[in-house]
Each structure stands twice: as structure tokens, then as C-alpha cells.
Protein backbone atom coordinates (compact mmCIF):
# COMPACT_ATOMS: atom_id res chain seq x y z
CA MET A 1 76.60 -21.87 27.29
CA LYS A 2 74.08 -22.88 24.61
CA ILE A 3 72.51 -19.80 23.03
CA ALA A 4 69.50 -19.98 20.71
CA ILE A 5 67.59 -17.45 18.67
CA TYR A 6 63.87 -17.61 17.98
CA PRO A 7 63.29 -15.22 15.07
CA GLY A 8 60.02 -13.99 13.65
CA SER A 9 57.91 -10.97 12.89
CA PHE A 10 55.62 -11.63 15.89
CA ASP A 11 52.92 -9.32 14.50
CA PRO A 12 51.42 -9.93 17.02
CA ILE A 13 52.89 -12.58 19.31
CA THR A 14 50.45 -15.49 19.77
CA LEU A 15 50.04 -18.19 22.39
CA GLY A 16 51.68 -20.53 19.86
CA HIS A 17 54.78 -18.31 19.76
CA LEU A 18 54.78 -18.11 23.55
CA ASP A 19 54.63 -21.91 23.77
CA ILE A 20 57.69 -22.22 21.50
CA ILE A 21 59.55 -19.58 23.56
CA ARG A 22 58.84 -21.41 26.82
CA ARG A 23 59.89 -24.75 25.37
CA ALA A 24 63.08 -23.28 23.90
CA ALA A 25 63.86 -21.59 27.24
CA SER A 26 63.77 -25.00 28.90
CA CYS A 27 66.24 -26.42 26.36
CA PHE A 28 68.83 -23.64 26.11
CA ASP A 29 70.80 -21.51 28.54
CA LYS A 30 69.85 -18.30 26.74
CA VAL A 31 67.16 -17.57 24.15
CA TYR A 32 66.97 -14.37 22.14
CA VAL A 33 63.55 -13.65 20.68
CA CYS A 34 64.51 -11.66 17.60
CA VAL A 35 61.84 -9.43 16.09
CA MET A 36 62.67 -9.36 12.41
CA THR A 37 61.39 -7.21 9.56
CA ASN A 38 59.48 -9.16 6.91
CA CYS A 39 59.51 -7.06 3.75
CA ALA A 40 56.73 -9.20 2.27
CA LYS A 41 54.28 -8.22 5.03
CA GLN A 42 52.56 -4.98 5.93
CA PRO A 43 52.89 -4.95 9.74
CA MET A 44 49.98 -4.14 12.03
CA PHE A 45 52.27 -3.20 14.94
CA GLU A 46 55.45 -1.13 14.84
CA PRO A 47 58.60 -3.02 15.95
CA GLU A 48 58.80 -1.12 19.27
CA LYS A 49 55.21 -2.10 20.13
CA ARG A 50 55.95 -5.75 19.26
CA LEU A 51 59.03 -5.68 21.52
CA LYS A 52 56.94 -4.24 24.36
CA LEU A 53 54.17 -6.83 23.95
CA ILE A 54 56.62 -9.74 23.78
CA ARG A 55 58.52 -8.54 26.85
CA ALA A 56 55.27 -8.27 28.81
CA SER A 57 54.24 -11.74 27.61
CA ILE A 58 57.49 -13.48 28.64
CA ALA A 59 57.72 -11.96 32.13
CA GLY A 60 59.30 -14.53 34.43
CA LEU A 61 61.41 -16.25 31.78
CA ASP A 62 64.77 -15.09 33.09
CA ASN A 63 66.88 -16.65 30.33
CA VAL A 64 64.93 -14.99 27.50
CA GLU A 65 65.71 -11.58 25.99
CA VAL A 66 63.82 -9.74 23.27
CA GLU A 67 65.52 -7.61 20.63
CA ALA A 68 64.82 -6.28 17.15
CA HIS A 69 67.11 -6.85 14.18
CA SER A 70 66.69 -5.70 10.59
CA GLY A 71 69.72 -7.35 9.02
CA LEU A 72 70.75 -10.85 8.13
CA LEU A 73 69.73 -13.42 10.75
CA ALA A 74 73.04 -15.30 10.44
CA SER A 75 74.91 -12.07 11.28
CA TYR A 76 72.73 -11.54 14.34
CA ALA A 77 73.43 -15.14 15.43
CA ARG A 78 77.19 -14.59 15.16
CA GLU A 79 76.90 -11.31 17.09
CA LYS A 80 75.08 -13.08 19.93
CA GLY A 81 77.29 -16.18 19.93
CA ALA A 82 74.27 -18.34 19.10
CA THR A 83 74.69 -21.75 17.51
CA VAL A 84 70.98 -22.64 17.21
CA LEU A 85 67.95 -21.15 15.51
CA VAL A 86 64.62 -22.30 16.91
CA LYS A 87 61.64 -22.40 14.57
CA GLY A 88 58.10 -23.54 15.25
CA VAL A 89 56.28 -25.60 12.62
CA ARG A 90 52.54 -26.24 12.47
CA ASN A 91 52.29 -28.34 9.33
CA ALA A 92 54.09 -29.70 6.28
CA THR A 93 53.99 -26.31 4.54
CA ASP A 94 55.78 -24.69 7.49
CA PHE A 95 58.28 -27.57 7.54
CA ASP A 96 59.12 -27.18 3.84
CA LEU A 97 59.64 -23.43 4.19
CA GLU A 98 61.72 -23.72 7.36
CA TYR A 99 63.79 -26.58 5.94
CA GLN A 100 64.72 -24.44 2.92
CA GLN A 101 65.55 -21.51 5.19
CA ALA A 102 67.67 -23.78 7.43
CA LEU A 103 69.74 -24.83 4.40
CA ILE A 104 70.27 -21.21 3.40
CA ASN A 105 71.29 -20.22 6.93
CA LYS A 106 73.64 -23.22 7.14
CA GLY A 107 75.26 -22.13 3.88
CA ILE A 108 75.82 -18.62 5.21
CA CYS A 109 76.85 -19.69 8.70
CA PRO A 110 77.97 -23.37 8.82
CA GLU A 111 78.10 -23.47 12.64
CA LEU A 112 74.41 -22.51 12.89
CA GLU A 113 71.95 -25.36 13.39
CA THR A 114 68.17 -25.06 13.07
CA VAL A 115 65.91 -26.88 15.52
CA LEU A 116 62.30 -27.29 14.40
CA LEU A 117 59.80 -27.56 17.26
CA PRO A 118 56.40 -28.91 16.29
CA ALA A 119 53.52 -26.74 17.45
CA SER A 120 51.68 -28.03 20.49
CA ALA A 121 48.22 -29.35 19.62
CA PRO A 122 46.21 -26.36 20.94
CA TYR A 123 48.18 -23.98 18.69
CA VAL A 124 48.37 -25.84 15.38
CA HIS A 125 45.35 -24.14 13.83
CA PHE A 126 46.20 -20.44 14.07
CA SER A 127 48.84 -17.91 13.09
CA SER A 128 49.59 -14.21 13.46
CA THR A 129 48.00 -13.69 10.04
CA MET A 130 44.76 -15.24 11.28
CA VAL A 131 44.93 -13.16 14.48
CA ARG A 132 45.38 -9.94 12.44
CA GLU A 133 42.31 -10.86 10.43
CA MET A 134 40.31 -11.46 13.62
CA ILE A 135 41.50 -8.08 14.93
CA ARG A 136 40.15 -6.37 11.81
CA TYR A 137 36.72 -7.87 12.47
CA GLY A 138 36.72 -7.20 16.21
CA GLN A 139 36.69 -10.85 17.27
CA PRO A 140 37.66 -11.96 20.81
CA LEU A 141 41.28 -13.06 20.94
CA GLU A 142 41.95 -14.27 24.49
CA GLN A 143 42.32 -17.88 23.34
CA TYR A 144 44.92 -16.92 20.71
CA VAL A 145 47.15 -14.21 22.19
CA PRO A 146 48.87 -13.58 25.55
CA ALA A 147 47.02 -11.33 28.00
CA PRO A 148 49.20 -8.23 27.33
CA VAL A 149 48.32 -8.41 23.63
CA ALA A 150 44.60 -8.91 24.33
CA GLU A 151 44.68 -5.88 26.65
CA GLU A 152 46.48 -3.77 24.05
CA LEU A 153 43.88 -4.68 21.46
CA LYS A 154 40.99 -3.77 23.79
CA GLU A 155 42.60 -0.36 24.30
CA ARG A 156 42.93 0.16 20.52
CA LYS A 157 39.18 -0.06 19.93
């Protein structure tokens, strides 16, 4: 069984993230979406809320599970029996960052490969950071986030 992990902060999950999850789910027997803590970011949503929103967004993807993890990603991969990390890349900057991270993860856990999936064309131009900024200014988000996230944001107003 090929098990993959798609890690990220998902604050909030976007349609770009959802696209990567769906594509990974078609390539692997099991995909764990791992909500990680990014110490460099001030989160908008608590981890439990992110888990809830992701679970609602992936309904129907039977081979995908969502969990939170605050430790080392390589340790989580070993715990789950995963041999692949899936990362989405939108541009050369993302590629450089993910390539460096892949080398670090490989050094920690030699059996762990990183697969970089290029963003699909409709999702190349936005990120969770951009979505958080749009939230702050009350902009419509339906074209950027899954319906459960858009609904949650309407309720927050």
C-alpha cells in the first residue's frame, strides 16, 4: 500500500490545496492531510477549526484522512508508514523552498521521497496568505476556497 502525506498549515484550505489533495488521492492508496504548526505564522484559524474545514471540504474522498501534528514531519511519516510527501508548487520560489525541504527530510528519513505537484492553472495565482488578506477586507472568496470555508467565513462576519 502506497501511503502519502500532504502537509501544510492550511490556514485556511484553498481550492488549490483541494486540487492537490484530489490529485494525490488518485495517485496513492492512502493520503494523510497533515495540519502542521508553522511557528513563523500567526494563524487565523485554530488547528481544530482547520481540521473541521478540511474534513468538510474533502467529503467523498474515501482514501484521505485529516490529522494534526505538531512534531517533526519525518516522524509523522514513519508513524503512518508513509514513503511519500506530496507538495504543491505554484512557481519557482515554491520549487526552491520545497526542494530544500525535500533534501532535509531525505536526510532525516532516507526512505521518504517528496513528490512535487505543479499547481493547476486556475490556482497558480493565489495562496492562503492572499485569502487571509481578502478575509480581512471582507472580499468574496467563493472562487478561492471550498464551500465549507466560504460558509464559515460568512458566519464569522
